[in-house]
Amino acid sequence: MNRTEFILVTAIILFVAFLLGWFASWVIHRITRVTQSEMGELDKMAQSLHEAEETRDQAITYLQQREAEMTNQLSQTEAELKAAMDGLREARQEAEELRAYIERQNVGA
C-alpha cells in the first residue's frame, strides 16, 4: 500500500464515519422531535402549574391573615380573662373584708 492509497482509504473511512454520525444525529433528532400536539399539552401543563401556584400563594396569604386575626383575638381574650380574674380577686377580697367586719360587729354587739 503506497502513500496515495493510504490517504484515499483514510479519507473514505473518515467520510463514512462522518456520514454515519450525521445519519445517527438525524435519526435521534427525528425520534426526539416534539410534535405540535405535545407543545400544546406542555402549554396546558404550564398554565395549570401557574394557576396552581397562584392558588397556593392565595391560600398562604389567607392563612397568614387568618393566623394574625386569631392571634389578635387570642391576645384580646387573654387580656379580658386577666381583667376578669383581677376583678374576681378584688371581689373575693372585698367579700372577705365584709365578712370580717360583720363578724367583728356581731362579736362586739
N, C-alpha and C. Protein backbone atom coordinates (compact mmCIF):
# COMPACT_ATOMS: atom_id res chain seq x y z
N MET A 1 0.85 -1.16 0.00
CA MET A 1 0.00 0.00 0.00
C MET A 1 0.91 1.24 0.00
N ASN A 2 0.73 2.06 -1.03
CA ASN A 2 1.57 3.24 -1.11
C ASN A 2 0.89 4.42 -0.42
N ARG A 3 1.52 5.52 -0.44
CA ARG A 3 1.07 6.68 0.30
C ARG A 3 -0.26 7.20 -0.23
N THR A 4 -0.48 7.25 -1.48
CA THR A 4 -1.70 7.74 -2.09
C THR A 4 -2.88 6.86 -1.72
N GLU A 5 -2.69 5.54 -1.78
CA GLU A 5 -3.77 4.61 -1.41
C GLU A 5 -4.13 4.76 0.07
N PHE A 6 -3.11 4.94 0.90
CA PHE A 6 -3.35 5.10 2.34
C PHE A 6 -4.18 6.36 2.62
N ILE A 7 -3.82 7.46 1.94
CA ILE A 7 -4.57 8.71 2.12
C ILE A 7 -6.00 8.54 1.63
N LEU A 8 -6.18 7.87 0.49
CA LEU A 8 -7.51 7.65 -0.07
C LEU A 8 -8.37 6.79 0.86
N VAL A 9 -7.82 5.69 1.39
CA VAL A 9 -8.56 4.81 2.30
C VAL A 9 -8.91 5.57 3.59
N THR A 10 -7.96 6.32 4.10
CA THR A 10 -8.22 7.11 5.32
C THR A 10 -9.32 8.14 5.08
N ALA A 11 -9.31 8.80 3.92
CA ALA A 11 -10.33 9.78 3.58
C ALA A 11 -11.70 9.11 3.47
N ILE A 12 -11.74 7.93 2.83
CA ILE A 12 -13.01 7.21 2.69
C ILE A 12 -13.54 6.80 4.06
N ILE A 13 -12.67 6.30 4.92
CA ILE A 13 -13.09 5.88 6.27
C ILE A 13 -13.61 7.08 7.05
N LEU A 14 -12.93 8.21 6.98
CA LEU A 14 -13.37 9.41 7.69
C LEU A 14 -14.71 9.92 7.13
N PHE A 15 -14.87 9.83 5.80
CA PHE A 15 -16.12 10.26 5.19
C PHE A 15 -17.28 9.36 5.61
N VAL A 16 -17.03 8.05 5.64
CA VAL A 16 -18.06 7.10 6.07
C VAL A 16 -18.40 7.34 7.54
N ALA A 17 -17.41 7.61 8.37
CA ALA A 17 -17.66 7.90 9.79
C ALA A 17 -18.49 9.18 9.93
N PHE A 18 -18.16 10.19 9.11
CA PHE A 18 -18.93 11.42 9.12
C PHE A 18 -20.38 11.17 8.74
N LEU A 19 -20.58 10.39 7.67
CA LEU A 19 -21.94 10.08 7.22
C LEU A 19 -22.71 9.29 8.28
N LEU A 20 -22.07 8.33 8.93
CA LEU A 20 -22.73 7.57 9.99
C LEU A 20 -23.11 8.48 11.17
N GLY A 21 -22.23 9.37 11.54
CA GLY A 21 -22.52 10.31 12.61
C GLY A 21 -23.66 11.24 12.24
N TRP A 22 -23.64 11.75 11.02
CA TRP A 22 -24.72 12.62 10.58
C TRP A 22 -26.05 11.88 10.55
N PHE A 23 -26.04 10.63 10.04
CA PHE A 23 -27.26 9.83 9.98
C PHE A 23 -27.78 9.53 11.39
N ALA A 24 -26.90 9.20 12.31
CA ALA A 24 -27.31 8.94 13.69
C ALA A 24 -27.91 10.20 14.31
N SER A 25 -27.30 11.34 14.05
CA SER A 25 -27.83 12.59 14.56
C SER A 25 -29.21 12.87 13.99
N TRP A 26 -29.39 12.64 12.70
CA TRP A 26 -30.68 12.85 12.05
C TRP A 26 -31.75 11.93 12.63
N VAL A 27 -31.40 10.65 12.84
CA VAL A 27 -32.34 9.68 13.40
C VAL A 27 -32.74 10.09 14.82
N ILE A 28 -31.79 10.47 15.64
CA ILE A 28 -32.08 10.88 17.02
C ILE A 28 -32.96 12.13 17.02
N HIS A 29 -32.66 13.07 16.12
CA HIS A 29 -33.47 14.27 16.03
C HIS A 29 -34.91 13.94 15.62
N ARG A 30 -35.08 13.03 14.69
CA ARG A 30 -36.42 12.63 14.25
C ARG A 30 -37.18 11.91 15.36
N ILE A 31 -36.48 11.12 16.14
CA ILE A 31 -37.14 10.36 17.21
C ILE A 31 -37.54 11.28 18.36
N THR A 32 -36.67 12.20 18.72
CA THR A 32 -36.92 13.04 19.89
C THR A 32 -37.61 14.35 19.55
N ARG A 33 -38.01 14.56 18.31
CA ARG A 33 -38.66 15.80 17.92
C ARG A 33 -40.00 15.94 18.63
N VAL A 34 -40.28 17.15 19.12
CA VAL A 34 -41.52 17.43 19.82
C VAL A 34 -42.57 17.84 18.80
N THR A 35 -43.72 17.18 18.85
CA THR A 35 -44.77 17.50 17.90
C THR A 35 -45.59 18.69 18.39
N GLN A 36 -46.42 19.21 17.51
CA GLN A 36 -47.25 20.38 17.85
C GLN A 36 -48.25 20.04 18.95
N SER A 37 -48.81 18.84 18.91
CA SER A 37 -49.77 18.44 19.96
C SER A 37 -49.08 18.34 21.31
N GLU A 38 -47.84 17.85 21.32
CA GLU A 38 -47.09 17.79 22.57
C GLU A 38 -46.80 19.19 23.09
N MET A 39 -46.53 20.13 22.20
CA MET A 39 -46.28 21.50 22.63
C MET A 39 -47.55 22.11 23.25
N GLY A 40 -48.70 21.81 22.64
CA GLY A 40 -49.96 22.28 23.20
C GLY A 40 -50.20 21.70 24.58
N GLU A 41 -49.89 20.43 24.72
CA GLU A 41 -50.05 19.78 26.03
C GLU A 41 -49.09 20.39 27.05
N LEU A 42 -47.87 20.67 26.64
CA LEU A 42 -46.91 21.30 27.55
C LEU A 42 -47.38 22.70 27.95
N ASP A 43 -47.96 23.43 27.00
CA ASP A 43 -48.50 24.76 27.33
C ASP A 43 -49.63 24.65 28.34
N LYS A 44 -50.52 23.67 28.15
CA LYS A 44 -51.62 23.48 29.10
C LYS A 44 -51.08 23.12 30.48
N MET A 45 -50.08 22.26 30.53
CA MET A 45 -49.49 21.88 31.81
C MET A 45 -48.84 23.08 32.49
N ALA A 46 -48.15 23.91 31.71
CA ALA A 46 -47.51 25.10 32.27
C ALA A 46 -48.56 26.07 32.81
N GLN A 47 -49.67 26.23 32.08
CA GLN A 47 -50.74 27.11 32.54
C GLN A 47 -51.36 26.56 33.83
N SER A 48 -51.59 25.25 33.87
CA SER A 48 -52.15 24.63 35.08
C SER A 48 -51.21 24.80 36.27
N LEU A 49 -49.93 24.63 36.03
CA LEU A 49 -48.95 24.81 37.10
C LEU A 49 -48.96 26.25 37.60
N HIS A 50 -49.04 27.19 36.68
CA HIS A 50 -49.07 28.61 37.07
C HIS A 50 -50.31 28.91 37.90
N GLU A 51 -51.46 28.39 37.48
CA GLU A 51 -52.69 28.60 38.23
C GLU A 51 -52.62 27.96 39.61
N ALA A 52 -52.03 26.77 39.68
CA ALA A 52 -51.88 26.09 40.97
C ALA A 52 -50.97 26.89 41.90
N GLU A 53 -49.90 27.45 41.37
CA GLU A 53 -49.01 28.27 42.19
C GLU A 53 -49.72 29.53 42.69
N GLU A 54 -50.53 30.15 41.83
CA GLU A 54 -51.29 31.33 42.25
C GLU A 54 -52.28 30.97 43.36
N THR A 55 -52.95 29.84 43.20
CA THR A 55 -53.91 29.38 44.22
C THR A 55 -53.19 29.11 45.53
N ARG A 56 -52.02 28.47 45.45
CA ARG A 56 -51.24 28.21 46.65
C ARG A 56 -50.84 29.51 47.34
N ASP A 57 -50.39 30.49 46.55
CA ASP A 57 -49.99 31.78 47.13
C ASP A 57 -51.17 32.47 47.79
N GLN A 58 -52.35 32.39 47.15
CA GLN A 58 -53.54 32.98 47.75
C GLN A 58 -53.90 32.28 49.05
N ALA A 59 -53.78 30.95 49.06
CA ALA A 59 -54.09 30.19 50.28
C ALA A 59 -53.12 30.54 51.40
N ILE A 60 -51.85 30.69 51.07
CA ILE A 60 -50.85 31.05 52.08
C ILE A 60 -51.16 32.44 52.64
N THR A 61 -51.50 33.38 51.76
CA THR A 61 -51.84 34.73 52.20
C THR A 61 -53.06 34.71 53.11
N TYR A 62 -54.08 33.94 52.71
CA TYR A 62 -55.30 33.85 53.53
C TYR A 62 -54.97 33.26 54.90
N LEU A 63 -54.17 32.19 54.91
CA LEU A 63 -53.82 31.56 56.18
C LEU A 63 -53.02 32.51 57.07
N GLN A 64 -52.13 33.28 56.49
CA GLN A 64 -51.36 34.23 57.29
C GLN A 64 -52.27 35.32 57.87
N GLN A 65 -53.21 35.80 57.07
CA GLN A 65 -54.15 36.80 57.58
C GLN A 65 -55.02 36.20 58.68
N ARG A 66 -55.48 34.99 58.46
CA ARG A 66 -56.34 34.33 59.45
C ARG A 66 -55.56 34.09 60.74
N GLU A 67 -54.30 33.68 60.61
CA GLU A 67 -53.47 33.46 61.79
C GLU A 67 -53.27 34.76 62.57
N ALA A 68 -53.06 35.86 61.85
CA ALA A 68 -52.90 37.16 62.52
C ALA A 68 -54.18 37.55 63.24
N GLU A 69 -55.33 37.32 62.60
CA GLU A 69 -56.60 37.62 63.24
C GLU A 69 -56.80 36.78 64.50
N MET A 70 -56.49 35.49 64.39
CA MET A 70 -56.67 34.59 65.53
C MET A 70 -55.71 34.95 66.67
N THR A 71 -54.49 35.34 66.33
CA THR A 71 -53.53 35.75 67.36
C THR A 71 -54.02 37.01 68.06
N ASN A 72 -54.54 37.95 67.28
CA ASN A 72 -55.07 39.18 67.86
C ASN A 72 -56.26 38.87 68.77
N GLN A 73 -57.15 38.00 68.28
CA GLN A 73 -58.31 37.64 69.08
C GLN A 73 -57.90 36.92 70.36
N LEU A 74 -56.90 36.06 70.27
CA LEU A 74 -56.39 35.36 71.45
C LEU A 74 -55.80 36.35 72.46
N SER A 75 -55.06 37.33 71.97
CA SER A 75 -54.49 38.34 72.87
C SER A 75 -55.59 39.13 73.57
N GLN A 76 -56.63 39.49 72.82
CA GLN A 76 -57.73 40.22 73.42
C GLN A 76 -58.45 39.36 74.47
N THR A 77 -58.66 38.09 74.14
CA THR A 77 -59.33 37.20 75.07
C THR A 77 -58.51 37.00 76.33
N GLU A 78 -57.20 36.87 76.17
CA GLU A 78 -56.33 36.72 77.34
C GLU A 78 -56.37 37.98 78.20
N ALA A 79 -56.40 39.15 77.56
CA ALA A 79 -56.48 40.41 78.31
C ALA A 79 -57.81 40.50 79.07
N GLU A 80 -58.89 40.10 78.40
CA GLU A 80 -60.20 40.11 79.07
C GLU A 80 -60.22 39.12 80.23
N LEU A 81 -59.64 37.95 80.03
CA LEU A 81 -59.58 36.96 81.10
C LEU A 81 -58.78 37.48 82.29
N LYS A 82 -57.65 38.14 82.02
CA LYS A 82 -56.84 38.69 83.10
C LYS A 82 -57.62 39.76 83.87
N ALA A 83 -58.34 40.61 83.11
CA ALA A 83 -59.14 41.65 83.76
C ALA A 83 -60.25 41.02 84.60
N ALA A 84 -60.88 39.97 84.08
CA ALA A 84 -61.94 39.30 84.84
C ALA A 84 -61.39 38.64 86.09
N MET A 85 -60.22 38.01 85.96
CA MET A 85 -59.60 37.35 87.13
C MET A 85 -59.22 38.40 88.18
N ASP A 86 -58.69 39.54 87.75
CA ASP A 86 -58.35 40.61 88.70
C ASP A 86 -59.61 41.12 89.40
N GLY A 87 -60.68 41.31 88.64
CA GLY A 87 -61.94 41.75 89.22
C GLY A 87 -62.49 40.74 90.22
N LEU A 88 -62.40 39.44 89.86
CA LEU A 88 -62.86 38.39 90.76
C LEU A 88 -62.02 38.37 92.03
N ARG A 89 -60.73 38.53 91.90
CA ARG A 89 -59.83 38.55 93.06
C ARG A 89 -60.19 39.71 93.99
N GLU A 90 -60.43 40.88 93.41
CA GLU A 90 -60.81 42.04 94.20
C GLU A 90 -62.16 41.84 94.88
N ALA A 91 -63.10 41.21 94.15
CA ALA A 91 -64.43 40.96 94.73
C ALA A 91 -64.32 39.97 95.89
N ARG A 92 -63.50 38.94 95.75
CA ARG A 92 -63.31 37.98 96.85
C ARG A 92 -62.69 38.67 98.07
N GLN A 93 -61.70 39.51 97.80
CA GLN A 93 -61.04 40.21 98.90
C GLN A 93 -62.03 41.14 99.60
N GLU A 94 -62.85 41.83 98.84
CA GLU A 94 -63.85 42.72 99.42
C GLU A 94 -64.88 41.92 100.21
N ALA A 95 -65.30 40.76 99.68
CA ALA A 95 -66.26 39.92 100.40
C ALA A 95 -65.66 39.41 101.70
N GLU A 96 -64.37 39.07 101.66
CA GLU A 96 -63.70 38.60 102.89
C GLU A 96 -63.62 39.72 103.92
N GLU A 97 -63.33 40.92 103.46
CA GLU A 97 -63.28 42.06 104.38
C GLU A 97 -64.65 42.34 104.98
N LEU A 98 -65.70 42.22 104.17
CA LEU A 98 -67.06 42.43 104.68
C LEU A 98 -67.44 41.36 105.70
N ARG A 99 -67.05 40.11 105.45
CA ARG A 99 -67.32 39.04 106.42
C ARG A 99 -66.61 39.32 107.74
N ALA A 100 -65.36 39.74 107.63
CA ALA A 100 -64.60 40.04 108.84
C ALA A 100 -65.24 41.21 109.59
N TYR A 101 -65.70 42.20 108.89
CA TYR A 101 -66.36 43.35 109.51
C TYR A 101 -67.64 42.93 110.20
N ILE A 102 -68.44 42.08 109.51
CA ILE A 102 -69.70 41.61 110.09
C ILE A 102 -69.43 40.77 111.34
N GLU A 103 -68.41 39.94 111.26
CA GLU A 103 -68.07 39.11 112.44
C GLU A 103 -67.65 39.99 113.60
N ARG A 104 -66.88 41.02 113.34
CA ARG A 104 -66.47 41.93 114.41
C ARG A 104 -67.69 42.65 114.99
N GLN A 105 -68.61 43.02 114.13
CA GLN A 105 -69.81 43.69 114.61
C GLN A 105 -70.67 42.75 115.46
N ASN A 106 -70.77 41.49 115.03
CA ASN A 106 -71.56 40.51 115.78
C ASN A 106 -70.91 40.17 117.11
N VAL A 107 -69.61 40.11 117.17
CA VAL A 107 -68.89 39.82 118.39
C VAL A 107 -69.00 41.00 119.35
N GLY A 108 -68.94 42.21 118.87
CA GLY A 108 -68.98 43.40 119.67
C GLY A 108 -70.39 43.71 120.16
N ALA A 109 -71.40 43.18 119.54
CA ALA A 109 -72.77 43.52 119.95
C ALA A 109 -73.30 42.72 121.04
